[in-house]
Amino acid sequence: MPPPASGDDKERYQLNQQFEDMSAAQQANRELKRANAAPPPDALPTAGAPASPAPPAKPVKRGPAEQAPPQPASPTK
């Protein structure tokens, strides 16, 4: 687009730019809402349907392990 030749052209250009910016912002907001929206109810698993497998549980760490003292040798007869 060529630069504005007069004051009226400059105002028209600025107004057009504002509308384009507003339109772009509205489109971005619509896309953001669509991305953050909850999935439709038919996409959610039902109570009777098997759920996706859960990740395996990690063992709980409870501190350093200690070795049991050696048992005394039992006398043999």
PDB file of N, CA and C in Angstrom:
ATOM      1  N   MET A   1       0.839  -1.163   0.000  1.00  0.00           N
ATOM      2  CA  MET A   1       0.000   0.000   0.000  1.00  0.00           C
ATOM      3  C   MET A   1       0.896   1.242   0.000  1.00  0.00           C
ATOM      4  N   PRO A   2       0.649   2.178  -0.850  1.00  0.00           N
ATOM      5  CA  PRO A   2       1.485   3.379  -0.904  1.00  0.00           C
ATOM      6  C   PRO A   2       1.242   4.265   0.314  1.00  0.00           C
ATOM      7  N   PRO A   3       2.190   5.113   0.667  1.00  0.00           N
ATOM      8  CA  PRO A   3       1.999   6.003   1.813  1.00  0.00           C
ATOM      9  C   PRO A   3       0.860   6.980   1.536  1.00  0.00           C
ATOM     10  N   PRO A   4       0.198   7.463   2.578  1.00  0.00           N
ATOM     11  CA  PRO A   4      -0.923   8.384   2.384  1.00  0.00           C
ATOM     12  C   PRO A   4      -0.466   9.690   1.738  1.00  0.00           C
ATOM     13  N   ALA A   5      -1.246  10.194   0.798  1.00  0.00           N
ATOM     14  CA  ALA A   5      -0.900  11.413   0.067  1.00  0.00           C
ATOM     15  C   ALA A   5      -1.481  12.656   0.734  1.00  0.00           C
ATOM     16  N   SER A   6      -2.546  12.493   1.526  1.00  0.00           N
ATOM     17  CA  SER A   6      -3.165  13.667   2.157  1.00  0.00           C
ATOM     18  C   SER A   6      -3.592  13.314   3.577  1.00  0.00           C
ATOM     19  N   GLY A   7      -4.131  14.306   4.280  1.00  0.00           N
ATOM     20  CA  GLY A   7      -4.602  14.078   5.644  1.00  0.00           C
ATOM     21  C   GLY A   7      -5.732  13.065   5.692  1.00  0.00           C
ATOM     22  N   ASP A   8      -6.654  13.161   4.726  1.00  0.00           N
ATOM     23  CA  ASP A   8      -7.777  12.208   4.684  1.00  0.00           C
ATOM     24  C   ASP A   8      -7.278  10.789   4.432  1.00  0.00           C
ATOM     25  N   ASP A   9      -6.293  10.673   3.540  1.00  0.00           N
ATOM     26  CA  ASP A   9      -5.735   9.348   3.262  1.00  0.00           C
ATOM     27  C   ASP A   9      -5.045   8.785   4.505  1.00  0.00           C
ATOM     28  N   LYS A  10      -4.379   9.659   5.255  1.00  0.00           N
ATOM     29  CA  LYS A  10      -3.684   9.215   6.465  1.00  0.00           C
ATOM     30  C   LYS A  10      -4.698   8.711   7.490  1.00  0.00           C
ATOM     31  N   GLU A  11      -5.795   9.432   7.667  1.00  0.00           N
ATOM     32  CA  GLU A  11      -6.827   9.004   8.612  1.00  0.00           C
ATOM     33  C   GLU A  11      -7.440   7.675   8.180  1.00  0.00           C
ATOM     34  N   ARG A  12      -7.700   7.557   6.891  1.00  0.00           N
ATOM     35  CA  ARG A  12      -8.277   6.320   6.360  1.00  0.00           C
ATOM     36  C   ARG A  12      -7.313   5.155   6.585  1.00  0.00           C
ATOM     37  N   TYR A  13      -6.031   5.390   6.364  1.00  0.00           N
ATOM     38  CA  TYR A  13      -5.011   4.361   6.555  1.00  0.00           C
ATOM     39  C   TYR A  13      -4.954   3.937   8.027  1.00  0.00           C
ATOM     40  N   GLN A  14      -4.964   4.915   8.937  1.00  0.00           N
ATOM     41  CA  GLN A  14      -4.902   4.601  10.365  1.00  0.00           C
ATOM     42  C   GLN A  14      -6.149   3.850  10.826  1.00  0.00           C
ATOM     43  N   LEU A  15      -7.308   4.268  10.347  1.00  0.00           N
ATOM     44  CA  LEU A  15      -8.544   3.589  10.694  1.00  0.00           C
ATOM     45  C   LEU A  15      -8.535   2.151  10.191  1.00  0.00           C
ATOM     46  N   ASN A  16      -8.077   1.969   8.953  1.00  0.00           N
ATOM     47  CA  ASN A  16      -7.983   0.624   8.382  1.00  0.00           C
ATOM     48  C   ASN A  16      -7.020  -0.234   9.210  1.00  0.00           C
ATOM     49  N   GLN A  17      -5.904   0.349   9.643  1.00  0.00           N
ATOM     50  CA  GLN A  17      -4.912  -0.381  10.443  1.00  0.00           C
ATOM     51  C   GLN A  17      -5.508  -0.774  11.799  1.00  0.00           C
ATOM     52  N   GLN A  18      -6.293   0.119  12.395  1.00  0.00           N
ATOM     53  CA  GLN A  18      -6.931  -0.196  13.670  1.00  0.00           C
ATOM     54  C   GLN A  18      -7.904  -1.358  13.528  1.00  0.00           C
ATOM     55  N   PHE A  19      -8.693  -1.355  12.453  1.00  0.00           N
ATOM     56  CA  PHE A  19      -9.632  -2.456  12.225  1.00  0.00           C
ATOM     57  C   PHE A  19      -8.892  -3.776  12.009  1.00  0.00           C
ATOM     58  N   GLU A  20      -7.791  -3.744  11.276  1.00  0.00           N
ATOM     59  CA  GLU A  20      -7.015  -4.968  11.060  1.00  0.00           C
ATOM     60  C   GLU A  20      -6.416  -5.476  12.367  1.00  0.00           C
ATOM     61  N   ASP A  21      -5.900  -4.566  13.193  1.00  0.00           N
ATOM     62  CA  ASP A  21      -5.345  -4.959  14.488  1.00  0.00           C
ATOM     63  C   ASP A  21      -6.421  -5.557  15.393  1.00  0.00           C
ATOM     64  N   MET A  22      -7.599  -4.918  15.411  1.00  0.00           N
ATOM     65  CA  MET A  22      -8.701  -5.407  16.226  1.00  0.00           C
ATOM     66  C   MET A  22      -9.139  -6.794  15.746  1.00  0.00           C
ATOM     67  N   SER A  23      -9.212  -6.963  14.439  1.00  0.00           N
ATOM     68  CA  SER A  23      -9.614  -8.249  13.886  1.00  0.00           C
ATOM     69  C   SER A  23      -8.603  -9.340  14.248  1.00  0.00           C
ATOM     70  N   ALA A  24      -7.328  -9.015  14.167  1.00  0.00           N
ATOM     71  CA  ALA A  24      -6.285  -9.987  14.513  1.00  0.00           C
ATOM     72  C   ALA A  24      -6.353 -10.350  15.994  1.00  0.00           C
ATOM     73  N   ALA A  25      -6.607  -9.359  16.854  1.00  0.00           N
ATOM     74  CA  ALA A  25      -6.709  -9.626  18.290  1.00  0.00           C
ATOM     75  C   ALA A  25      -7.917 -10.505  18.593  1.00  0.00           C
ATOM     76  N   GLN A  26      -9.048 -10.251  17.946  1.00  0.00           N
ATOM     77  CA  GLN A  26     -10.237 -11.067  18.167  1.00  0.00           C
ATOM     78  C   GLN A  26     -10.020 -12.501  17.704  1.00  0.00           C
ATOM     79  N   GLN A  27      -9.350 -12.657  16.572  1.00  0.00           N
ATOM     80  CA  GLN A  27      -9.066 -14.005  16.067  1.00  0.00           C
ATOM     81  C   GLN A  27      -8.151 -14.749  17.032  1.00  0.00           C
ATOM     82  N   ALA A  28      -7.152 -14.071  17.573  1.00  0.00           N
ATOM     83  CA  ALA A  28      -6.245 -14.700  18.531  1.00  0.00           C
ATOM     84  C   ALA A  28      -7.000 -15.111  19.794  1.00  0.00           C
ATOM     85  N   ASN A  29      -7.914 -14.263  20.255  1.00  0.00           N
ATOM     86  CA  ASN A  29      -8.700 -14.608  21.445  1.00  0.00           C
ATOM     87  C   ASN A  29      -9.602 -15.804  21.178  1.00  0.00           C
ATOM     88  N   ARG A  30     -10.198 -15.870  19.995  1.00  0.00           N
ATOM     89  CA  ARG A  30     -11.045 -17.028  19.662  1.00  0.00           C
ATOM     90  C   ARG A  30     -10.221 -18.305  19.638  1.00  0.00           C
ATOM     91  N   GLU A  31      -9.035 -18.253  19.048  1.00  0.00           N
ATOM     92  CA  GLU A  31      -8.184 -19.436  18.996  1.00  0.00           C
ATOM     93  C   GLU A  31      -7.737 -19.859  20.387  1.00  0.00           C
ATOM     94  N   LEU A  32      -7.432 -18.890  21.249  1.00  0.00           N
ATOM     95  CA  LEU A  32      -7.015 -19.201  22.607  1.00  0.00           C
ATOM     96  C   LEU A  32      -8.149 -19.849  23.388  1.00  0.00           C
ATOM     97  N   LYS A  33      -9.366 -19.321  23.262  1.00  0.00           N
ATOM     98  CA  LYS A  33     -10.508 -19.915  23.956  1.00  0.00           C
ATOM     99  C   LYS A  33     -10.762 -21.329  23.457  1.00  0.00           C
ATOM    100  N   ARG A  34     -10.629 -21.542  22.147  1.00  0.00           N
ATOM    101  CA  ARG A  34     -10.848 -22.867  21.575  1.00  0.00           C
ATOM    102  C   ARG A  34      -9.798 -23.847  22.087  1.00  0.00           C
ATOM    103  N   ALA A  35      -8.553 -23.384  22.236  1.00  0.00           N
ATOM    104  CA  ALA A  35      -7.481 -24.264  22.710  1.00  0.00           C
ATOM    105  C   ALA A  35      -7.651 -24.599  24.188  1.00  0.00           C
ATOM    106  N   ASN A  36      -8.179 -23.665  24.977  1.00  0.00           N
ATOM    107  CA  ASN A  36      -8.330 -23.879  26.410  1.00  0.00           C
ATOM    108  C   ASN A  36      -9.681 -24.480  26.787  1.00  0.00           C
ATOM    109  N   ALA A  37     -10.563 -24.645  25.835  1.00  0.00           N
ATOM    110  CA  ALA A  37     -11.905 -25.152  26.123  1.00  0.00           C
ATOM    111  C   ALA A  37     -11.837 -26.627  26.519  1.00  0.00           C
ATOM    112  N   ALA A  38     -12.779 -27.023  27.349  1.00  0.00           N
ATOM    113  CA  ALA A  38     -12.870 -28.426  27.746  1.00  0.00           C
ATOM    114  C   ALA A  38     -13.312 -29.245  26.536  1.00  0.00           C
ATOM    115  N   PRO A  39     -12.880 -30.500  26.480  1.00  0.00           N
ATOM    116  CA  PRO A  39     -13.309 -31.327  25.354  1.00  0.00           C
ATOM    117  C   PRO A  39     -14.819 -31.540  25.402  1.00  0.00           C
ATOM    118  N   PRO A  40     -15.433 -31.793  24.266  1.00  0.00           N
ATOM    119  CA  PRO A  40     -16.881 -32.008  24.255  1.00  0.00           C
ATOM    120  C   PRO A  40     -17.248 -33.215  25.114  1.00  0.00           C
ATOM    121  N   PRO A  41     -18.478 -33.250  25.637  1.00  0.00           N
ATOM    122  CA  PRO A  41     -18.876 -34.343  26.542  1.00  0.00           C
ATOM    123  C   PRO A  41     -18.741 -35.718  25.914  1.00  0.00           C
ATOM    124  N   ASP A  42     -18.956 -35.855  24.614  1.00  0.00           N
ATOM    125  CA  ASP A  42     -18.843 -37.180  24.005  1.00  0.00           C
ATOM    126  C   ASP A  42     -17.395 -37.642  23.919  1.00  0.00           C
ATOM    127  N   ALA A  43     -16.431 -36.768  24.116  1.00  0.00           N
ATOM    128  CA  ALA A  43     -15.025 -37.162  24.076  1.00  0.00           C
ATOM    129  C   ALA A  43     -14.530 -37.617  25.443  1.00  0.00           C
ATOM    130  N   LEU A  44     -15.295 -37.307  26.506  1.00  0.00           N
ATOM    131  CA  LEU A  44     -14.895 -37.720  27.848  1.00  0.00           C
ATOM    132  C   LEU A  44     -15.249 -39.189  28.053  1.00  0.00           C
ATOM    133  N   PRO A  45     -14.410 -39.936  28.782  1.00  0.00           N
ATOM    134  CA  PRO A  45     -14.737 -41.343  29.032  1.00  0.00           C
ATOM    135  C   PRO A  45     -15.938 -41.449  29.968  1.00  0.00           C
ATOM    136  N   THR A  46     -16.761 -42.451  29.735  1.00  0.00           N
ATOM    137  CA  THR A  46     -17.931 -42.658  30.578  1.00  0.00           C
ATOM    138  C   THR A  46     -17.554 -43.545  31.746  1.00  0.00           C
ATOM    139  N   ALA A  47     -18.463 -43.695  32.691  1.00  0.00           N
ATOM    140  CA  ALA A  47     -18.173 -44.477  33.891  1.00  0.00           C
ATOM    141  C   ALA A  47     -17.915 -45.943  33.549  1.00  0.00           C
ATOM    142  N   GLY A  48     -18.582 -46.489  32.556  1.00  0.00           N
ATOM    143  CA  GLY A  48     -18.409 -47.892  32.213  1.00  0.00           C
ATOM    144  C   GLY A  48     -17.233 -48.158  31.293  1.00  0.00           C
ATOM    145  N   ALA A  49     -16.728 -47.121  30.665  1.00  0.00           N
ATOM    146  CA  ALA A  49     -15.625 -47.317  29.727  1.00  0.00           C
ATOM    147  C   ALA A  49     -14.306 -47.377  30.484  1.00  0.00           C
ATOM    148  N   PRO A  50     -13.382 -48.204  30.028  1.00  0.00           N
ATOM    149  CA  PRO A  50     -12.083 -48.266  30.708  1.00  0.00           C
ATOM    150  C   PRO A  50     -11.321 -46.966  30.489  1.00  0.00           C
ATOM    151  N   ALA A  51     -10.700 -46.514  31.535  1.00  0.00           N
ATOM    152  CA  ALA A  51      -9.919 -45.278  31.463  1.00  0.00           C
ATOM    153  C   ALA A  51      -8.562 -45.594  30.846  1.00  0.00           C
ATOM    154  N   SER A  52      -7.899 -44.573  30.418  1.00  0.00           N
ATOM    155  CA  SER A  52      -6.562 -44.782  29.870  1.00  0.00           C
ATOM    156  C   SER A  52      -5.655 -45.276  30.985  1.00  0.00           C
ATOM    157  N   PRO A  53      -4.685 -46.104  30.660  1.00  0.00           N
ATOM    158  CA  PRO A  53      -3.827 -46.663  31.710  1.00  0.00           C
ATOM    159  C   PRO A  53      -3.050 -45.558  32.418  1.00  0.00           C
ATOM    160  N   ALA A  54      -3.007 -45.678  33.731  1.00  0.00           N
ATOM    161  CA  ALA A  54      -2.282 -44.700  34.539  1.00  0.00           C
ATOM    162  C   ALA A  54      -0.789 -45.003  34.471  1.00  0.00           C
ATOM    163  N   PRO A  55       0.035 -43.994  34.596  1.00  0.00           N
ATOM    164  CA  PRO A  55       1.470 -44.248  34.590  1.00  0.00           C
ATOM    165  C   PRO A  55       1.847 -45.070  35.817  1.00  0.00           C
ATOM    166  N   PRO A  56       2.869 -45.893  35.724  1.00  0.00           N
ATOM    167  CA  PRO A  56       3.240 -46.725  36.870  1.00  0.00           C
ATOM    168  C   PRO A  56       3.660 -45.849  38.051  1.00  0.00           C
ATOM    169  N   ALA A  57       3.270 -46.300  39.239  1.00  0.00           N
ATOM    170  CA  ALA A  57       3.590 -45.543  40.448  1.00  0.00           C
ATOM    171  C   ALA A  57       5.069 -45.705  40.767  1.00  0.00           C
ATOM    172  N   LYS A  58       5.685 -44.624  41.184  1.00  0.00           N
ATOM    173  CA  LYS A  58       7.101 -44.674  41.559  1.00  0.00           C
ATOM    174  C   LYS A  58       7.198 -45.103  43.018  1.00  0.00           C
ATOM    175  N   PRO A  59       8.222 -45.885  43.375  1.00  0.00           N
ATOM    176  CA  PRO A  59       8.359 -46.298  44.772  1.00  0.00           C
ATOM    177  C   PRO A  59       8.649 -45.080  45.654  1.00  0.00           C
ATOM    178  N   VAL A  60       8.146 -45.144  46.871  1.00  0.00           N
ATOM    179  CA  VAL A  60       8.347 -44.051  47.812  1.00  0.00           C
ATOM    180  C   VAL A  60       9.712 -44.214  48.451  1.00  0.00           C
ATOM    181  N   LYS A  61      10.504 -43.159  48.402  1.00  0.00           N
ATOM    182  CA  LYS A  61      11.823 -43.200  49.029  1.00  0.00           C
ATOM    183  C   LYS A  61      11.680 -42.782  50.480  1.00  0.00           C
ATOM    184  N   ARG A  62      12.267 -43.587  51.374  1.00  0.00           N
ATOM    185  CA  ARG A  62      12.115 -43.319  52.797  1.00  0.00           C
ATOM    186  C   ARG A  62      13.448 -43.064  53.490  1.00  0.00           C
ATOM    187  N   GLY A  63      14.490 -42.821  52.772  1.00  0.00           N
ATOM    188  CA  GLY A  63      15.777 -42.529  53.396  1.00  0.00           C
ATOM    189  C   GLY A  63      16.800 -43.584  53.023  1.00  0.00           C
ATOM    190  N   PRO A  64      17.995 -43.462  53.572  1.00  0.00           N
ATOM    191  CA  PRO A  64      19.053 -44.416  53.204  1.00  0.00           C
ATOM    192  C   PRO A  64      18.745 -45.809  53.760  1.00  0.00           C
ATOM    193  N   ALA A  65      19.088 -46.797  53.005  1.00  0.00           N
ATOM    194  CA  ALA A  65      18.880 -48.180  53.426  1.00  0.00           C
ATOM    195  C   ALA A  65      20.038 -48.605  54.323  1.00  0.00           C
ATOM    196  N   GLU A  66      19.718 -49.405  55.329  1.00  0.00           N
ATOM    197  CA  GLU A  66      20.750 -49.922  56.227  1.00  0.00           C
ATOM    198  C   GLU A  66      20.752 -51.427  56.127  1.00  0.00           C
ATOM    199  N   GLN A  67      21.957 -51.976  56.203  1.00  0.00           N
ATOM    200  CA  GLN A  67      22.077 -53.427  56.123  1.00  0.00           C
ATOM    201  C   GLN A  67      21.911 -54.003  57.519  1.00  0.00           C
ATOM    202  N   ALA A  68      21.200 -55.111  57.618  1.00  0.00           N
ATOM    203  CA  ALA A  68      21.000 -55.775  58.909  1.00  0.00           C
ATOM    204  C   ALA A  68      22.324 -56.352  59.382  1.00  0.00           C
ATOM    205  N   PRO A  69      22.522 -56.332  60.684  1.00  0.00           N
ATOM    206  CA  PRO A  69      23.781 -56.905  61.200  1.00  0.00           C
ATOM    207  C   PRO A  69      23.829 -58.402  60.905  1.00  0.00           C
ATOM    208  N   PRO A  70      25.024 -58.950  60.735  1.00  0.00           N
ATOM    209  CA  PRO A  70      25.122 -60.394  60.437  1.00  0.00           C
ATOM    210  C   PRO A  70      24.648 -61.220  61.632  1.00  0.00           C
ATOM    211  N   GLN A  71      24.000 -62.343  61.330  1.00  0.00           N
ATOM    212  CA  GLN A  71      23.524 -63.246  62.386  1.00  0.00           C
ATOM    213  C   GLN A  71      24.700 -64.059  62.900  1.00  0.00           C
ATOM    214  N   PRO A  72      24.731 -64.271  64.212  1.00  0.00           N
ATOM    215  CA  PRO A  72      25.837 -65.096  64.748  1.00  0.00           C
ATOM    216  C   PRO A  72      25.679 -66.538  64.256  1.00  0.00           C
ATOM    217  N   ALA A  73      26.793 -67.159  64.019  1.00  0.00           N
ATOM    218  CA  ALA A  73      26.759 -68.545  63.526  1.00  0.00           C
ATOM    219  C   ALA A  73      26.194 -69.433  64.610  1.00  0.00           C
ATOM    220  N   SER A  74      25.263 -70.284  64.249  1.00  0.00           N
ATOM    221  CA  SER A  74      24.680 -71.185  65.244  1.00  0.00           C
ATOM    222  C   SER A  74      25.609 -72.391  65.427  1.00  0.00           C
ATOM    223  N   PRO A  75      25.788 -72.813  66.693  1.00  0.00           N
ATOM    224  CA  PRO A  75      26.687 -73.973  66.911  1.00  0.00           C
ATOM    225  C   PRO A  75      26.075 -75.255  66.337  1.00  0.00           C
ATOM    226  N   THR A  76      26.871 -76.051  65.724  1.00  0.00           N
ATOM    227  CA  THR A  76      26.401 -77.308  65.162  1.00  0.00           C
ATOM    228  C   THR A  76      26.759 -78.441  66.089  1.00  0.00           C
ATOM    229  N   LYS A  77      25.942 -79.463  66.190  1.00  0.00           N
ATOM    230  CA  LYS A  77      26.184 -80.585  67.092  1.00  0.00           C
ATOM    231  C   LYS A  77      26.860 -81.696  66.424  1.00  0.00           C
TER     232      LYS A  77
END
